[in-house]
C-alpha atoms as a PDB file:
ATOM      1  CA  MET A   1      93.468 141.960  61.910  1.00  0.00           C
ATOM      2  CA  SER A   2      93.216 143.114  58.312  1.00  0.00           C
ATOM      3  CA  ALA A   3      93.751 140.552  55.574  1.00  0.00           C
ATOM      4  CA  ARG A   4      96.242 141.288  52.817  1.00  0.00           C
ATOM      5  CA  ARG A   5      94.419 141.626  49.502  1.00  0.00           C
ATOM      6  CA  HIS A   6      96.998 140.032  47.265  1.00  0.00           C
ATOM      7  CA  ASN A   7      94.768 137.709  45.231  1.00  0.00           C
ATOM      8  CA  SER A   8      92.665 138.741  42.258  1.00  0.00           C
ATOM      9  CA  PRO A   9      88.954 137.881  42.119  1.00  0.00           C
ATOM     10  CA  LEU A  10      89.621 137.064  38.443  1.00  0.00           C
ATOM     11  CA  ASP A  11      91.375 133.822  39.322  1.00  0.00           C
ATOM     12  CA  ARG A  12      90.472 131.238  36.690  1.00  0.00           C
ATOM     13  CA  ALA A  13      92.289 128.442  38.518  1.00  0.00           C
ATOM     14  CA  ASP A  14      89.902 128.789  41.469  1.00  0.00           C
ATOM     15  CA  VAL A  15      86.877 128.354  39.202  1.00  0.00           C
ATOM     16  CA  ILE A  16      87.917 125.304  37.177  1.00  0.00           C
ATOM     17  CA  SER A  17      89.971 122.261  38.195  1.00  0.00           C
ATOM     18  CA  ASN A  18      90.463 118.537  37.591  1.00  0.00           C
ATOM     19  CA  GLY A  19      90.106 118.843  33.818  1.00  0.00           C
ATOM     20  CA  SER A  20      90.316 115.555  31.926  1.00  0.00           C
ATOM     21  CA  MET A  21      89.187 113.875  28.724  1.00  0.00           C
ATOM     22  CA  CYS A  22      88.547 110.217  27.983  1.00  0.00           C
ATOM     23  CA  LEU A  23      88.347 108.341  24.706  1.00  0.00           C
ATOM     24  CA  TYR A  24      86.407 105.055  24.694  1.00  0.00           C
ATOM     25  CA  ARG A  25      87.103 102.329  22.145  1.00  0.00           C
ATOM     26  CA  ASN A  26      85.881  98.724  21.805  1.00  0.00           C
ATOM     27  CA  ASP A  27      87.486  95.900  19.832  1.00  0.00           C
ATOM     28  CA  ARG A  28      85.736  94.943  16.590  1.00  0.00           C
ATOM     29  CA  GLU A  29      85.503  91.298  17.645  1.00  0.00           C
ATOM     30  CA  HIS A  30      83.649  92.220  20.858  1.00  0.00           C
ATOM     31  CA  PRO A  31      81.896  95.531  20.185  1.00  0.00           C
ATOM     32  CA  PHE A  32      79.368  95.123  22.984  1.00  0.00           C
ATOM     33  CA  GLY A  33      81.485  93.594  25.724  1.00  0.00           C
ATOM     34  CA  ASP A  34      82.113  96.188  28.400  1.00  0.00           C
ATOM     35  CA  ARG A  35      85.120  94.244  29.684  1.00  0.00           C
ATOM     36  CA  ASP A  36      86.793  94.734  26.279  1.00  0.00           C
ATOM     37  CA  GLU A  37      86.467  98.534  26.350  1.00  0.00           C
ATOM     38  CA  HIS A  38      89.701 100.522  26.134  1.00  0.00           C
ATOM     39  CA  VAL A  39      89.777 103.858  27.976  1.00  0.00           C
ATOM     40  CA  LEU A  40      92.396 106.459  27.112  1.00  0.00           C
ATOM     41  CA  THR A  41      92.726 109.464  29.429  1.00  0.00           C
ATOM     42  CA  GLU A  42      94.515 112.828  29.369  1.00  0.00           C
ATOM     43  CA  SER A  43      94.474 115.695  31.856  1.00  0.00           C
ATOM     44  CA  TRP A  44      94.450 119.442  31.263  1.00  0.00           C
ATOM     45  CA  ASP A  45      94.462 122.570  33.448  1.00  0.00           C
ATOM     46  CA  MET A  46      92.655 125.356  31.552  1.00  0.00           C
ATOM     47  CA  PRO A  47      90.150 125.070  28.662  1.00  0.00           C
ATOM     48  CA  SER A  48      92.794 126.552  26.338  1.00  0.00           C
ATOM     49  CA  ASP A  49      94.918 123.432  27.029  1.00  0.00           C
ATOM     50  CA  MET A  50      92.261 121.044  25.698  1.00  0.00           C
ATOM     51  CA  PRO A  51      93.391 120.906  22.027  1.00  0.00           C
ATOM     52  CA  ASP A  52      96.933 119.953  23.098  1.00  0.00           C
ATOM     53  CA  ALA A  53      95.536 117.328  25.487  1.00  0.00           C
ATOM     54  CA  TYR A  54      93.497 115.883  22.630  1.00  0.00           C
ATOM     55  CA  THR A  55      96.599 115.751  20.426  1.00  0.00           C
ATOM     56  CA  ARG A  56      98.248 113.569  23.090  1.00  0.00           C
ATOM     57  CA  LEU A  57      95.102 111.458  23.337  1.00  0.00           C
ATOM     58  CA  GLU A  58      95.033 111.051  19.560  1.00  0.00           C
ATOM     59  CA  ALA A  59      98.642 109.836  19.594  1.00  0.00           C
ATOM     60  CA  ALA A  60      97.778 107.284  22.288  1.00  0.00           C
ATOM     61  CA  GLU A  61      94.812 106.126  20.188  1.00  0.00           C
ATOM     62  CA  ARG A  62      97.023 105.626  17.121  1.00  0.00           C
ATOM     63  CA  LYS A  63      99.439 103.581  19.198  1.00  0.00           C
ATOM     64  CA  LEU A  64      96.597 101.420  20.539  1.00  0.00           C
ATOM     65  CA  SER A  65      95.096 100.952  17.050  1.00  0.00           C
ATOM     66  CA  ALA A  66      98.345  99.331  15.902  1.00  0.00           C
ATOM     67  CA  SER A  67      97.406  96.251  17.956  1.00  0.00           C
ATOM     68  CA  HIS A  68      93.587  96.539  18.053  1.00  0.00           C
ATOM     69  CA  ALA A  69      90.868  96.878  15.395  1.00  0.00           C
ATOM     70  CA  PHE A  70      88.142  99.141  16.795  1.00  0.00           C
ATOM     71  CA  ALA A  71      84.408  98.525  16.390  1.00  0.00           C
ATOM     72  CA  TRP A  72      83.194 101.183  13.966  1.00  0.00           C
ATOM     73  CA  HIS A  73      80.064 101.881  11.895  1.00  0.00           C
ATOM     74  CA  PRO A  74      80.044 104.272   8.918  1.00  0.00           C
ATOM     75  CA  GLU A  75      76.842 105.962  10.136  1.00  0.00           C
ATOM     76  CA  PHE A  76      77.152 105.815  13.938  1.00  0.00           C
ATOM     77  CA  GLY A  77      80.916 106.005  14.385  1.00  0.00           C
ATOM     78  CA  TYR A  78      82.640 103.999  17.103  1.00  0.00           C
ATOM     79  CA  LEU A  79      80.452 101.374  18.800  1.00  0.00           C
ATOM     80  CA  SER A  80      80.161 100.622  22.498  1.00  0.00           C
ATOM     81  CA  PRO A  81      77.818  98.770  24.883  1.00  0.00           C
ATOM     82  CA  PHE A  82      77.228 102.211  26.452  1.00  0.00           C
ATOM     83  CA  PRO A  83      75.216 104.592  24.214  1.00  0.00           C
ATOM     84  CA  ASP A  84      77.028 107.697  25.487  1.00  0.00           C
ATOM     85  CA  HIS A  85      80.373 106.125  24.486  1.00  0.00           C
ATOM     86  CA  CYS A  86      79.302 105.746  20.854  1.00  0.00           C
ATOM     87  CA  GLY A  87      80.062 108.129  18.016  1.00  0.00           C
ATOM     88  CA  THR A  88      83.313 109.890  18.820  1.00  0.00           C
ATOM     89  CA  GLY A  89      83.438 108.158  22.217  1.00  0.00           C
ATOM     90  CA  LEU A  90      85.019 111.347  23.578  1.00  0.00           C
ATOM     91  CA  HIS A  91      84.054 112.858  26.937  1.00  0.00           C
ATOM     92  CA  MET A  92      85.547 115.937  28.573  1.00  0.00           C
ATOM     93  CA  TRP A  93      85.156 116.682  32.280  1.00  0.00           C
ATOM     94  CA  ALA A  94      85.964 119.520  34.632  1.00  0.00           C
ATOM     95  CA  GLU A  95      85.026 120.604  38.133  1.00  0.00           C
ATOM     96  CA  PHE A  96      83.683 124.127  38.670  1.00  0.00           C
ATOM     97  CA  HIS A  97      83.291 126.216  41.832  1.00  0.00           C
ATOM     98  CA  LEU A  98      80.233 128.385  41.100  1.00  0.00           C
ATOM     99  CA  GLU A  99      79.701 130.152  44.421  1.00  0.00           C
ATOM    100  CA  GLY A 100      79.608 133.583  42.756  1.00  0.00           C
ATOM    101  CA  LEU A 101      76.800 132.617  40.382  1.00  0.00           C
ATOM    102  CA  HIS A 102      74.895 131.138  43.315  1.00  0.00           C
ATOM    103  CA  LEU A 103      75.210 134.266  45.446  1.00  0.00           C
ATOM    104  CA  ILE A 104      74.023 136.668  42.735  1.00  0.00           C
ATOM    105  CA  GLY A 105      71.126 134.328  41.878  1.00  0.00           C
ATOM    106  CA  ASP A 106      72.204 133.406  38.354  1.00  0.00           C
ATOM    107  CA  LEU A 107      73.089 129.756  38.951  1.00  0.00           C
ATOM    108  CA  PRO A 108      69.744 128.110  37.956  1.00  0.00           C
ATOM    109  CA  PRO A 109      69.547 129.729  34.484  1.00  0.00           C
ATOM    110  CA  VAL A 110      73.227 128.985  33.838  1.00  0.00           C
ATOM    111  CA  LEU A 111      72.736 125.298  34.688  1.00  0.00           C
ATOM    112  CA  SER A 112      69.631 125.179  32.478  1.00  0.00           C
ATOM    113  CA  ALA A 113      71.611 126.707  29.606  1.00  0.00           C
ATOM    114  CA  LEU A 114      74.323 124.070  30.011  1.00  0.00           C
ATOM    115  CA  GLU A 115      71.752 121.291  29.842  1.00  0.00           C
ATOM    116  CA  ALA A 116      70.344 122.856  26.655  1.00  0.00           C
ATOM    117  CA  LEU A 117      73.870 122.612  25.215  1.00  0.00           C
ATOM    118  CA  ARG A 118      73.801 118.860  25.978  1.00  0.00           C
ATOM    119  CA  MET A 119      76.154 119.155  28.942  1.00  0.00           C
ATOM    120  CA  THR A 120      75.658 117.225  32.184  1.00  0.00           C
ATOM    121  CA  CYS A 121      76.058 119.154  35.455  1.00  0.00           C
ATOM    122  CA  ASN A 122      76.271 117.157  38.677  1.00  0.00           C
ATOM    123  CA  GLY A 123      76.312 118.858  42.057  1.00  0.00           C
ATOM    124  CA  ILE A 124      76.753 117.169  45.432  1.00  0.00           C
ATOM    125  CA  ASN A 125      73.603 116.181  47.319  1.00  0.00           C
ATOM    126  CA  ALA A 126      74.305 114.829  50.812  1.00  0.00           C
ATOM    127  CA  ASP A 127      73.238 115.254  54.449  1.00  0.00           C
ATOM    128  CA  GLY A 128      70.026 116.890  53.243  1.00  0.00           C
ATOM    129  CA  LEU A 129      71.994 119.546  51.340  1.00  0.00           C
ATOM    130  CA  ARG A 130      71.468 120.151  47.628  1.00  0.00           C
ATOM    131  CA  ASN A 131      74.452 121.218  45.518  1.00  0.00           C
ATOM    132  CA  ALA A 132      76.661 121.399  48.594  1.00  0.00           C
ATOM    133  CA  GLY A 133      79.512 123.864  48.220  1.00  0.00           C
ATOM    134  CA  HIS A 134      78.248 124.758  44.726  1.00  0.00           C
ATOM    135  CA  ILE A 135      80.884 122.455  43.269  1.00  0.00           C
ATOM    136  CA  PHE A 136      79.762 120.949  39.956  1.00  0.00           C
ATOM    137  CA  SER A 137      81.200 118.257  37.720  1.00  0.00           C
ATOM    138  CA  VAL A 138      80.409 119.215  34.124  1.00  0.00           C
ATOM    139  CA  TRP A 139      80.894 117.067  31.023  1.00  0.00           C
ATOM    140  CA  ASN A 140      79.526 116.627  27.507  1.00  0.00           C
ATOM    141  CA  ASN A 141      76.793 114.018  27.172  1.00  0.00           C
ATOM    142  CA  ALA A 142      76.736 114.285  23.370  1.00  0.00           C
ATOM    143  CA  THR A 143      79.382 112.385  21.427  1.00  0.00           C
ATOM    144  CA  LEU A 144      77.549 112.085  18.088  1.00  0.00           C
ATOM    145  CA  GLY A 145      77.306 114.497  15.194  1.00  0.00           C
ATOM    146  CA  LEU A 146      80.695 116.249  15.319  1.00  0.00           C
ATOM    147  CA  PRO A 147      84.246 115.199  14.443  1.00  0.00           C
ATOM    148  CA  GLU A 148      86.394 114.815  17.520  1.00  0.00           C
ATOM    149  CA  ARG A 149      88.431 118.006  17.142  1.00  0.00           C
ATOM    150  CA  LYS A 150      85.295 120.079  16.531  1.00  0.00           C
ATOM    151  CA  LEU A 151      83.761 118.533  19.633  1.00  0.00           C
ATOM    152  CA  VAL A 152      86.879 119.479  21.623  1.00  0.00           C
ATOM    153  CA  ARG A 153      86.627 123.088  20.437  1.00  0.00           C
ATOM    154  CA  ARG A 154      82.900 123.199  21.216  1.00  0.00           C
ATOM    155  CA  VAL A 155      83.316 121.915  24.769  1.00  0.00           C
ATOM    156  CA  MET A 156      86.357 124.169  25.247  1.00  0.00           C
ATOM    157  CA  ARG A 157      84.213 127.211  24.391  1.00  0.00           C
ATOM    158  CA  VAL A 158      81.449 126.072  26.753  1.00  0.00           C
ATOM    159  CA  PHE A 159      83.912 125.552  29.615  1.00  0.00           C
ATOM    160  CA  ASP A 160      85.632 128.868  28.953  1.00  0.00           C
ATOM    161  CA  ASP A 161      82.280 130.693  28.841  1.00  0.00           C
ATOM    162  CA  LEU A 162      81.302 129.116  32.162  1.00  0.00           C
ATOM    163  CA  VAL A 163      84.573 130.266  33.748  1.00  0.00           C
ATOM    164  CA  LEU A 164      83.999 133.807  32.442  1.00  0.00           C
ATOM    165  CA  GLN A 165      80.408 133.854  33.743  1.00  0.00           C
ATOM    166  CA  GLU A 166      81.593 132.832  37.214  1.00  0.00           C
ATOM    167  CA  LEU A 167      84.378 135.430  37.165  1.00  0.00           C
ATOM    168  CA  TYR A 168      81.885 138.105  36.106  1.00  0.00           C
ATOM    169  CA  ALA A 169      79.547 137.002  38.912  1.00  0.00           C
ATOM    170  CA  ARG A 170      82.378 137.330  41.442  1.00  0.00           C
ATOM    171  CA  GLN A 171      83.241 140.806  40.216  1.00  0.00           C
ATOM    172  CA  THR A 172      79.567 141.792  40.356  1.00  0.00           C
ATOM    173  CA  LEU A 173      79.343 140.408  43.870  1.00  0.00           C
ATOM    174  CA  LEU A 174      82.188 142.622  45.098  1.00  0.00           C
ATOM    175  CA  GLU A 175      81.151 145.758  43.249  1.00  0.00           C
ATOM    176  CA  GLU A 176      77.346 145.674  43.373  1.00  0.00           C
ATOM    177  CA  ASN A 177      76.268 143.187  46.078  1.00  0.00           C
ATOM    178  CA  PRO A 178      78.989 143.288  48.752  1.00  0.00           C
ATOM    179  CA  ARG A 179      76.504 142.868  51.616  1.00  0.00           C
ATOM    180  CA  ILE A 180      75.252 139.556  50.188  1.00  0.00           C
ATOM    181  CA  PHE A 181      78.829 138.326  49.948  1.00  0.00           C
ATOM    182  CA  GLU A 182      79.713 139.602  53.438  1.00  0.00           C
ATOM    183  CA  ASP A 183      76.603 137.988  54.915  1.00  0.00           C
ATOM    184  CA  SER A 184      77.428 134.592  53.403  1.00  0.00           C
ATOM    185  CA  VAL A 185      80.965 134.677  54.819  1.00  0.00           C
ATOM    186  CA  MET A 186      80.010 135.995  58.260  1.00  0.00           C
ATOM    187  CA  ARG A 187      77.189 133.470  58.656  1.00  0.00           C
ATOM    188  CA  ALA A 188      79.542 130.646  57.684  1.00  0.00           C
ATOM    189  CA  LEU A 189      82.211 131.839  60.125  1.00  0.00           C
ATOM    190  CA  ALA A 190      79.673 132.136  62.957  1.00  0.00           C
ATOM    191  CA  ILE A 191      78.567 128.519  62.493  1.00  0.00           C
ATOM    192  CA  LEU A 192      82.114 127.213  62.066  1.00  0.00           C
ATOM    193  CA  ARG A 193      83.174 128.899  65.312  1.00  0.00           C
ATOM    194  CA  HIS A 194      80.183 127.987  67.448  1.00  0.00           C
ATOM    195  CA  ALA A 195      78.319 124.950  66.079  1.00  0.00           C
ATOM    196  CA  ARG A 196      77.966 122.103  68.571  1.00  0.00           C
ATOM    197  CA  LEU A 197      77.131 119.515  65.881  1.00  0.00           C
ATOM    198  CA  LEU A 198      78.539 119.652  62.373  1.00  0.00           C
ATOM    199  CA  SER A 199      78.260 116.988  59.671  1.00  0.00           C
ATOM    200  CA  PRO A 200      81.065 116.567  57.094  1.00  0.00           C
ATOM    201  CA  TRP A 201      78.932 117.771  54.199  1.00  0.00           C
ATOM    202  CA  GLU A 202      77.621 120.755  56.157  1.00  0.00           C
ATOM    203  CA  LEU A 203      81.247 121.717  56.799  1.00  0.00           C
ATOM    204  CA  PHE A 204      81.960 121.290  53.080  1.00  0.00           C
ATOM    205  CA  ASP A 205      79.071 123.647  52.250  1.00  0.00           C
ATOM    206  CA  LEU A 206      80.077 126.286  54.800  1.00  0.00           C
ATOM    207  CA  LEU A 207      83.643 126.387  53.504  1.00  0.00           C
ATOM    208  CA  SER A 208      82.502 127.427  50.023  1.00  0.00           C
ATOM    209  CA  PRO A 209      81.970 131.179  50.688  1.00  0.00           C
ATOM    210  CA  LEU A 210      85.191 131.225  52.734  1.00  0.00           C
ATOM    211  CA  ARG A 211      87.044 129.771  49.762  1.00  0.00           C
ATOM    212  CA  LEU A 212      85.716 132.669  47.702  1.00  0.00           C
ATOM    213  CA  ALA A 213      86.786 135.182  50.348  1.00  0.00           C
ATOM    214  CA  ALA A 214      90.259 133.649  50.432  1.00  0.00           C
ATOM    215  CA  THR A 215      90.482 133.961  46.645  1.00  0.00           C
ATOM    216  CA  PHE A 216      89.689 137.665  47.030  1.00  0.00           C
ATOM    217  CA  GLY A 217      92.428 137.958  49.687  1.00  0.00           C
ATOM    218  CA  LEU A 218      89.891 138.924  52.358  1.00  0.00           C
ATOM    219  CA  ILE A 219      90.567 136.178  54.915  1.00  0.00           C
ATOM    220  CA  SER A 220      93.342 135.924  57.478  1.00  0.00           C
ATOM    221  CA  GLY A 221      94.191 132.899  59.601  1.00  0.00           C
ATOM    222  CA  ILE A 222      93.635 130.386  56.826  1.00  0.00           C
ATOM    223  CA  THR A 223      94.701 130.131  53.190  1.00  0.00           C
ATOM    224  CA  ARG A 224      92.687 129.214  50.133  1.00  0.00           C
ATOM    225  CA  GLY A 225      94.813 126.060  49.785  1.00  0.00           C
ATOM    226  CA  GLU A 226      93.954 125.006  53.335  1.00  0.00           C
ATOM    227  CA  ILE A 227      90.254 125.585  52.689  1.00  0.00           C
ATOM    228  CA  VAL A 228      90.374 123.506  49.505  1.00  0.00           C
ATOM    229  CA  SER A 229      92.206 120.748  51.419  1.00  0.00           C
ATOM    230  CA  LEU A 230      89.525 120.784  54.123  1.00  0.00           C
ATOM    231  CA  MET A 231      86.788 120.543  51.478  1.00  0.00           C
ATOM    232  CA  THR A 232      88.573 117.672  49.745  1.00  0.00           C
ATOM    233  CA  ALA A 233      88.973 115.836  53.059  1.00  0.00           C
ATOM    234  CA  GLN A 234      85.211 115.918  53.615  1.00  0.00           C
ATOM    235  CA  THR A 235      84.527 114.294  50.231  1.00  0.00           C
ATOM    236  CA  LYS A 236      86.720 111.331  51.198  1.00  0.00           C
ATOM    237  CA  LYS A 237      84.904 110.540  54.431  1.00  0.00           C
ATOM    238  CA  PRO A 238      82.506 107.579  54.209  1.00  0.00           C
ATOM    239  CA  GLU A 239      78.856 108.482  54.556  1.00  0.00           C
ATOM    240  CA  LEU A 240      76.991 106.922  57.435  1.00  0.00           C
ATOM    241  CA  PRO A 241      73.780 105.096  56.467  1.00  0.00           C
ATOM    242  CA  PRO A 242      70.481 106.640  57.596  1.00  0.00           C
ATOM    243  CA  PRO A 243      70.083 106.001  61.344  1.00  0.00           C
ATOM    244  CA  ARG A 244      67.747 103.125  62.168  1.00  0.00           C
ATOM    245  CA  THR A 245      68.301 102.804  65.898  1.00  0.00           C
ATOM    246  CA  VAL A 246      69.113 104.986  68.884  1.00  0.00           C
ATOM    247  CA  ALA A 247      72.665 103.655  68.716  1.00  0.00           C
ATOM    248  CA  ASP A 248      72.943 104.834  65.087  1.00  0.00           C
ATOM    249  CA  GLU A 249      71.762 108.302  66.108  1.00  0.00           C
ATOM    250  CA  GLN A 250      74.284 108.410  68.942  1.00  0.00           C
ATOM    251  CA  ARG A 251      77.102 107.319  66.610  1.00  0.00           C
ATOM    252  CA  ARG A 252      76.222 110.067  64.134  1.00  0.00           C
ATOM    253  CA  ASP A 253      75.942 112.695  66.896  1.00  0.00           C
ATOM    254  CA  SER A 254      79.299 111.627  68.306  1.00  0.00           C
ATOM    255  CA  ARG A 255      80.931 112.032  64.895  1.00  0.00           C
ATOM    256  CA  ASP A 256      79.313 115.439  64.324  1.00  0.00           C
ATOM    257  CA  ALA A 257      80.199 116.651  67.830  1.00  0.00           C
ATOM    258  CA  ALA A 258      83.869 115.727  67.387  1.00  0.00           C
ATOM    259  CA  LEU A 259      83.978 117.474  64.004  1.00  0.00           C
ATOM    260  CA  ALA A 260      82.307 120.577  65.473  1.00  0.00           C
ATOM    261  CA  ASP A 261      84.848 120.759  68.316  1.00  0.00           C
ATOM    262  CA  ARG A 262      87.798 120.522  65.901  1.00  0.00           C
ATOM    263  CA  THR A 263      86.246 123.092  63.588  1.00  0.00           C
ATOM    264  CA  ASN A 264      85.500 125.537  66.437  1.00  0.00           C
ATOM    265  CA  LYS A 265      89.173 125.540  67.379  1.00  0.00           C
ATOM    266  CA  ARG A 266      90.421 125.783  63.788  1.00  0.00           C
ATOM    267  CA  PHE A 267      88.298 128.834  62.950  1.00  0.00           C
ATOM    268  CA  ALA A 268      88.481 130.658  66.277  1.00  0.00           C
ATOM    269  CA  ARG A 269      91.117 133.069  64.920  1.00  0.00           C
ATOM    270  CA  VAL A 270      90.069 133.217  61.286  1.00  0.00           C
ATOM    271  CA  GLN A 271      89.120 136.774  60.444  1.00  0.00           C
ATOM    272  CA  PHE A 272      87.222 138.316  57.526  1.00  0.00           C
ATOM    273  CA  ALA A 273      88.283 141.782  56.326  1.00  0.00           C
ATOM    274  CA  LEU A 274      85.314 143.591  54.815  1.00  0.00           C
ATOM    275  CA  PRO A 275      86.060 144.719  51.236  1.00  0.00           C
END
């Protein structure tokens, strides 16, 4: 069955999600007591929304300052028991799906460039997998040296550039390296249909290229939203401790066997339409 190609590979919303920013402030009377730290939070959808989100955060800070005197130093800015909350005390986070950059081989240099820009990039390492699903949480680890609004604009540009690099990688994948993309999807589908043991984080990792295919409109039998929901469900499952006894091994195998059986049935009729 041929999939309907109604989605665009240039889908920013599939690359970036869960955007938020936090402002950390401590009372002047207790500048180094972590229990006295105030945390103000705002959410945003796209990097272009970040200045408006900061305006709301700034209003919340003004309201809080009416009843609290913040710990502040003329040279170092706002003070906190946590060094990375000093200065502006402003952190901005987002989650990125970077499967395209991974498949064309550009992910390592992009992550290195982000670190050089004083950004932290955390992937998911579990079940022996490194950077499972190529989902990364990215945030600024530098809060000193720039006024808050300049810092917002700087991080906004970094996030927007990362989105554009991933979108370019996806376009390149379709136009110049389709066999690499097809191989990643077909291998994932083969395992999802036939695996006899499947751990939650292995399932999470295998769903990543299918999520990309669904974004391209090249999958039938499952939607991108369903794939994202399946990935999210895996992140909420408690990890089993490393097996120490035969009983622990059997418990883990029983869990993985049950997950494999459910997954085999769910993906039996999922089809990939070659681009």
